[in-house]
Amino acid sequence: MSSGARSADDSRTVLIWVVEGSWSAGVDVARRLGWADDLVTLLYVVEEQVTAAAAGAYAGLFGRGRPERDPSWRLAEASSVAAEKLLCAAETRLGRPAQRIVRTGRIEREVVAAAAGVDLLIVARDGDLSRLGPRSLGRHTRFVVDHAPCPVLLVWPDTTPSVESIPPEHPPR
């Protein structure tokens, strides 16, 4: 998408990464920005390693003789249902229609791939939220911020810590 001037009928594409515990901050800022013509997509990523670990644990403990008892498919189904509920809650909070996407894979890579071609990616911090600094980003969020193929709006999910929370300078070496 272009970063130049927009005509009256132009719309931005905004991707909001929905994550448990911090999703409302991204949705709230998108609602406050309020560009009426924006095409908003809500994205949730199910970590593929969770179901793979369940399948591997079952096979390791009980063998492969009864695949119908493998709990991984139930776990995948429960994850999908939970993701849809979370995205529905996010769309309700947004107060307008939005596209909802659930992807499965490595979280950080799926978010980066989904951000290709969008005008803005909205991400909420998810690390140490008690102070300013790089540790306020979890590992998935750090990867997304570093590799996103579009502008990223990084928001605090709660009250932003004061400037006094910045760690002291290291002495010169």
C-alpha atoms as a PDB file:
ATOM      1  CA  MET A   1       0.000   0.000   0.000  1.00  0.00           C
ATOM      2  CA  SER A   2       1.204   3.480  -0.660  1.00  0.00           C
ATOM      3  CA  SER A   3       2.350   5.948   1.930  1.00  0.00           C
ATOM      4  CA  GLY A   4       1.538   8.988  -0.219  1.00  0.00           C
ATOM      5  CA  ALA A   5      -1.441  11.324  -0.075  1.00  0.00           C
ATOM      6  CA  ARG A   6      -4.860   9.681  -0.032  1.00  0.00           C
ATOM      7  CA  SER A   7      -7.980  10.687  -1.872  1.00  0.00           C
ATOM      8  CA  ALA A   8     -11.340  10.904  -0.124  1.00  0.00           C
ATOM      9  CA  ASP A   9     -12.330   7.395  -1.248  1.00  0.00           C
ATOM     10  CA  ASP A  10      -9.002   5.839  -0.275  1.00  0.00           C
ATOM     11  CA  SER A  11      -8.903   3.594   2.754  1.00  0.00           C
ATOM     12  CA  ARG A  12      -6.108   2.289   4.902  1.00  0.00           C
ATOM     13  CA  THR A  13      -5.700  -1.340   5.789  1.00  0.00           C
ATOM     14  CA  VAL A  14      -5.107  -1.803   9.493  1.00  0.00           C
ATOM     15  CA  LEU A  15      -4.112  -5.108  11.071  1.00  0.00           C
ATOM     16  CA  ILE A  16      -4.598  -5.495  14.817  1.00  0.00           C
ATOM     17  CA  TRP A  17      -2.717  -8.390  16.402  1.00  0.00           C
ATOM     18  CA  VAL A  18      -5.021  -9.823  19.063  1.00  0.00           C
ATOM     19  CA  VAL A  19      -3.204 -11.469  21.991  1.00  0.00           C
ATOM     20  CA  GLU A  20      -4.682 -12.635  25.295  1.00  0.00           C
ATOM     21  CA  GLY A  21      -4.186 -10.085  28.029  1.00  0.00           C
ATOM     22  CA  SER A  22      -3.303  -7.089  25.870  1.00  0.00           C
ATOM     23  CA  TRP A  23      -5.655  -7.104  22.873  1.00  0.00           C
ATOM     24  CA  SER A  24      -7.995  -4.420  24.186  1.00  0.00           C
ATOM     25  CA  ALA A  25      -5.256  -1.763  24.024  1.00  0.00           C
ATOM     26  CA  GLY A  26      -4.769  -2.274  20.287  1.00  0.00           C
ATOM     27  CA  VAL A  27      -8.500  -2.287  19.627  1.00  0.00           C
ATOM     28  CA  ASP A  28      -9.033   0.836  21.746  1.00  0.00           C
ATOM     29  CA  VAL A  29      -6.376   2.830  19.912  1.00  0.00           C
ATOM     30  CA  ALA A  30      -7.807   1.766  16.540  1.00  0.00           C
ATOM     31  CA  ARG A  31     -11.242   2.904  17.687  1.00  0.00           C
ATOM     32  CA  ARG A  32      -9.828   6.245  18.877  1.00  0.00           C
ATOM     33  CA  LEU A  33      -8.007   6.842  15.578  1.00  0.00           C
ATOM     34  CA  GLY A  34     -11.388   6.393  13.939  1.00  0.00           C
ATOM     35  CA  TRP A  35     -10.585   6.673  10.254  1.00  0.00           C
ATOM     36  CA  ALA A  36     -14.024   5.863   8.874  1.00  0.00           C
ATOM     37  CA  ASP A  37     -12.855   4.175   5.683  1.00  0.00           C
ATOM     38  CA  ASP A  38     -10.225   1.913   7.236  1.00  0.00           C
ATOM     39  CA  LEU A  39     -10.367  -1.773   6.442  1.00  0.00           C
ATOM     40  CA  VAL A  40      -9.665  -3.367   9.810  1.00  0.00           C
ATOM     41  CA  THR A  41      -8.498  -6.950  10.238  1.00  0.00           C
ATOM     42  CA  LEU A  42      -8.231  -8.657  13.611  1.00  0.00           C
ATOM     43  CA  LEU A  43      -5.568 -11.371  13.694  1.00  0.00           C
ATOM     44  CA  TYR A  44      -5.101 -14.163  16.207  1.00  0.00           C
ATOM     45  CA  VAL A  45      -2.377 -16.788  15.861  1.00  0.00           C
ATOM     46  CA  VAL A  46      -2.609 -20.252  17.399  1.00  0.00           C
ATOM     47  CA  GLU A  47       0.836 -21.601  18.289  1.00  0.00           C
ATOM     48  CA  GLU A  48       1.319 -24.787  16.265  1.00  0.00           C
ATOM     49  CA  GLN A  49       3.818 -26.240  18.724  1.00  0.00           C
ATOM     50  CA  VAL A  50       1.143 -26.667  21.389  1.00  0.00           C
ATOM     51  CA  THR A  51      -0.890 -29.220  19.433  1.00  0.00           C
ATOM     52  CA  ALA A  52       2.265 -30.863  18.087  1.00  0.00           C
ATOM     53  CA  ALA A  53       3.551 -31.288  21.653  1.00  0.00           C
ATOM     54  CA  ALA A  54       0.250 -32.843  22.731  1.00  0.00           C
ATOM     55  CA  ALA A  55       0.331 -35.279  19.801  1.00  0.00           C
ATOM     56  CA  GLY A  56       3.950 -36.174  20.505  1.00  0.00           C
ATOM     57  CA  ALA A  57       3.321 -36.679  24.208  1.00  0.00           C
ATOM     58  CA  TYR A  58       0.346 -38.928  23.510  1.00  0.00           C
ATOM     59  CA  ALA A  59       2.258 -40.997  20.956  1.00  0.00           C
ATOM     60  CA  GLY A  60       5.222 -41.270  23.316  1.00  0.00           C
ATOM     61  CA  LEU A  61       3.126 -42.412  26.258  1.00  0.00           C
ATOM     62  CA  PHE A  62       0.491 -44.560  24.571  1.00  0.00           C
ATOM     63  CA  GLY A  63       1.875 -45.420  21.156  1.00  0.00           C
ATOM     64  CA  ARG A  64       0.187 -44.849  17.852  1.00  0.00           C
ATOM     65  CA  GLY A  65      -2.362 -47.651  17.984  1.00  0.00           C
ATOM     66  CA  ARG A  66      -5.376 -45.481  18.852  1.00  0.00           C
ATOM     67  CA  PRO A  67      -5.232 -42.214  16.921  1.00  0.00           C
ATOM     68  CA  GLU A  68      -8.876 -41.458  17.766  1.00  0.00           C
ATOM     69  CA  ARG A  69      -7.797 -40.921  21.380  1.00  0.00           C
ATOM     70  CA  ASP A  70      -5.049 -38.459  20.465  1.00  0.00           C
ATOM     71  CA  PRO A  71      -5.922 -35.261  22.379  1.00  0.00           C
ATOM     72  CA  SER A  72      -4.227 -32.931  19.894  1.00  0.00           C
ATOM     73  CA  TRP A  73      -7.274 -32.579  17.636  1.00  0.00           C
ATOM     74  CA  ARG A  74      -9.432 -31.612  20.636  1.00  0.00           C
ATOM     75  CA  LEU A  75      -6.796 -29.119  21.708  1.00  0.00           C
ATOM     76  CA  ALA A  76      -6.694 -27.637  18.195  1.00  0.00           C
ATOM     77  CA  GLU A  77     -10.487 -27.419  18.136  1.00  0.00           C
ATOM     78  CA  ALA A  78     -10.604 -25.758  21.568  1.00  0.00           C
ATOM     79  CA  SER A  79      -7.908 -23.290  20.481  1.00  0.00           C
ATOM     80  CA  SER A  80      -9.896 -22.406  17.377  1.00  0.00           C
ATOM     81  CA  VAL A  81     -13.102 -21.855  19.367  1.00  0.00           C
ATOM     82  CA  ALA A  82     -11.257 -19.712  21.940  1.00  0.00           C
ATOM     83  CA  ALA A  83      -9.636 -17.682  19.157  1.00  0.00           C
ATOM     84  CA  GLU A  84     -13.013 -17.004  17.528  1.00  0.00           C
ATOM     85  CA  LYS A  85     -14.493 -15.904  20.869  1.00  0.00           C
ATOM     86  CA  LEU A  86     -11.563 -13.557  21.452  1.00  0.00           C
ATOM     87  CA  LEU A  87     -11.845 -12.080  17.945  1.00  0.00           C
ATOM     88  CA  CYS A  88     -15.604 -11.649  18.379  1.00  0.00           C
ATOM     89  CA  ALA A  89     -15.004  -9.777  21.653  1.00  0.00           C
ATOM     90  CA  ALA A  90     -12.391  -7.612  19.917  1.00  0.00           C
ATOM     91  CA  GLU A  91     -14.769  -6.782  17.063  1.00  0.00           C
ATOM     92  CA  THR A  92     -17.517  -5.906  19.535  1.00  0.00           C
ATOM     93  CA  ARG A  93     -15.151  -3.608  21.431  1.00  0.00           C
ATOM     94  CA  LEU A  94     -14.017  -2.040  18.144  1.00  0.00           C
ATOM     95  CA  GLY A  95     -17.631  -1.095  17.508  1.00  0.00           C
ATOM     96  CA  ARG A  96     -17.560  -1.718  13.761  1.00  0.00           C
ATOM     97  CA  PRO A  97     -17.265  -4.632  11.372  1.00  0.00           C
ATOM     98  CA  ALA A  98     -13.813  -6.108  10.920  1.00  0.00           C
ATOM     99  CA  GLN A  99     -12.361  -9.060   9.114  1.00  0.00           C
ATOM    100  CA  ARG A 100     -11.347 -11.824  11.529  1.00  0.00           C
ATOM    101  CA  ILE A 101      -8.447 -14.136  10.752  1.00  0.00           C
ATOM    102  CA  VAL A 102      -7.146 -17.088  12.758  1.00  0.00           C
ATOM    103  CA  ARG A 103      -3.804 -18.456  11.616  1.00  0.00           C
ATOM    104  CA  THR A 104      -1.827 -21.394  12.931  1.00  0.00           C
ATOM    105  CA  GLY A 105       1.949 -21.546  12.983  1.00  0.00           C
ATOM    106  CA  ARG A 106       4.905 -19.857  14.596  1.00  0.00           C
ATOM    107  CA  ILE A 107       3.293 -16.810  16.104  1.00  0.00           C
ATOM    108  CA  GLU A 108       5.859 -14.169  15.192  1.00  0.00           C
ATOM    109  CA  ARG A 109       6.237 -15.381  11.597  1.00  0.00           C
ATOM    110  CA  GLU A 110       2.496 -15.623  11.023  1.00  0.00           C
ATOM    111  CA  VAL A 111       2.010 -12.036  12.229  1.00  0.00           C
ATOM    112  CA  VAL A 112       4.797 -10.751   9.965  1.00  0.00           C
ATOM    113  CA  ALA A 113       3.364 -12.671   6.999  1.00  0.00           C
ATOM    114  CA  ALA A 114      -0.138 -11.326   7.681  1.00  0.00           C
ATOM    115  CA  ALA A 115       1.248  -7.771   7.847  1.00  0.00           C
ATOM    116  CA  ALA A 116       2.548  -7.894   4.277  1.00  0.00           C
ATOM    117  CA  GLY A 117       0.686  -5.271   2.275  1.00  0.00           C
ATOM    118  CA  VAL A 118      -1.108  -3.541   5.140  1.00  0.00           C
ATOM    119  CA  ASP A 119      -0.761   0.153   5.891  1.00  0.00           C
ATOM    120  CA  LEU A 120      -0.508  -0.170   9.670  1.00  0.00           C
ATOM    121  CA  LEU A 121       0.054  -2.964  12.168  1.00  0.00           C
ATOM    122  CA  ILE A 122      -1.151  -2.283  15.706  1.00  0.00           C
ATOM    123  CA  VAL A 123       0.690  -4.242  18.410  1.00  0.00           C
ATOM    124  CA  ALA A 124       0.428  -4.076  22.200  1.00  0.00           C
ATOM    125  CA  ARG A 125       3.458  -4.496  24.433  1.00  0.00           C
ATOM    126  CA  ASP A 126       3.494  -7.808  26.279  1.00  0.00           C
ATOM    127  CA  GLY A 127       6.687  -8.012  28.329  1.00  0.00           C
ATOM    128  CA  ASP A 128       7.693  -6.283  31.560  1.00  0.00           C
ATOM    129  CA  LEU A 129       5.084  -3.535  31.711  1.00  0.00           C
ATOM    130  CA  SER A 130       6.384  -2.038  34.954  1.00  0.00           C
ATOM    131  CA  ARG A 131       9.037   0.101  33.275  1.00  0.00           C
ATOM    132  CA  LEU A 132      10.101   1.622  29.995  1.00  0.00           C
ATOM    133  CA  GLY A 133      12.678  -0.186  27.940  1.00  0.00           C
ATOM    134  CA  PRO A 134      13.293  -3.103  25.615  1.00  0.00           C
ATOM    135  CA  ARG A 135      12.092  -5.693  28.114  1.00  0.00           C
ATOM    136  CA  SER A 136       8.569  -4.318  27.717  1.00  0.00           C
ATOM    137  CA  LEU A 137       8.405  -6.437  24.562  1.00  0.00           C
ATOM    138  CA  GLY A 138       8.051 -10.205  24.714  1.00  0.00           C
ATOM    139  CA  ARG A 139      10.071 -12.315  22.278  1.00  0.00           C
ATOM    140  CA  HIS A 140       7.279 -12.684  19.703  1.00  0.00           C
ATOM    141  CA  THR A 141       6.493  -8.973  19.804  1.00  0.00           C
ATOM    142  CA  ARG A 142      10.178  -8.052  19.515  1.00  0.00           C
ATOM    143  CA  PHE A 143      10.467 -10.215  16.374  1.00  0.00           C
ATOM    144  CA  VAL A 144       7.326  -8.673  14.868  1.00  0.00           C
ATOM    145  CA  VAL A 145       8.473  -5.107  15.564  1.00  0.00           C
ATOM    146  CA  ASP A 146      11.914  -5.847  14.102  1.00  0.00           C
ATOM    147  CA  HIS A 147      10.654  -7.637  10.973  1.00  0.00           C
ATOM    148  CA  ALA A 148       7.269  -6.086  10.136  1.00  0.00           C
ATOM    149  CA  PRO A 149       7.012  -5.104   6.458  1.00  0.00           C
ATOM    150  CA  CYS A 150       4.863  -2.076   7.322  1.00  0.00           C
ATOM    151  CA  PRO A 151       4.626   0.744   9.867  1.00  0.00           C
ATOM    152  CA  VAL A 152       3.944  -0.503  13.408  1.00  0.00           C
ATOM    153  CA  LEU A 153       1.976   1.325  16.072  1.00  0.00           C
ATOM    154  CA  LEU A 154       3.214  -0.016  19.408  1.00  0.00           C
ATOM    155  CA  VAL A 155       0.860   0.651  22.322  1.00  0.00           C
ATOM    156  CA  TRP A 156       0.942   0.145  26.076  1.00  0.00           C
ATOM    157  CA  PRO A 157      -1.865  -2.136  27.315  1.00  0.00           C
ATOM    158  CA  ASP A 158      -2.199  -0.256  30.596  1.00  0.00           C
ATOM    159  CA  THR A 159      -0.824   2.934  32.069  1.00  0.00           C
ATOM    160  CA  THR A 160       2.519   3.873  30.572  1.00  0.00           C
ATOM    161  CA  PRO A 161       5.292   3.768  33.196  1.00  0.00           C
ATOM    162  CA  SER A 162       6.976   7.030  34.103  1.00  0.00           C
ATOM    163  CA  VAL A 163      10.265   8.147  32.601  1.00  0.00           C
ATOM    164  CA  GLU A 164      11.833   7.487  36.016  1.00  0.00           C
ATOM    165  CA  SER A 165      11.359   3.763  35.341  1.00  0.00           C
ATOM    166  CA  ILE A 166      14.145   3.768  32.749  1.00  0.00           C
ATOM    167  CA  PRO A 167      17.073   1.732  34.113  1.00  0.00           C
ATOM    168  CA  PRO A 168      20.114   3.800  35.143  1.00  0.00           C
ATOM    169  CA  GLU A 169      22.905   4.356  32.663  1.00  0.00           C
ATOM    170  CA  HIS A 170      25.759   1.904  32.699  1.00  0.00           C
ATOM    171  CA  PRO A 171      29.113   3.375  33.686  1.00  0.00           C
ATOM    172  CA  PRO A 172      31.498   3.915  30.754  1.00  0.00           C
ATOM    173  CA  ARG A 173      33.757   0.987  29.950  1.00  0.00           C
END
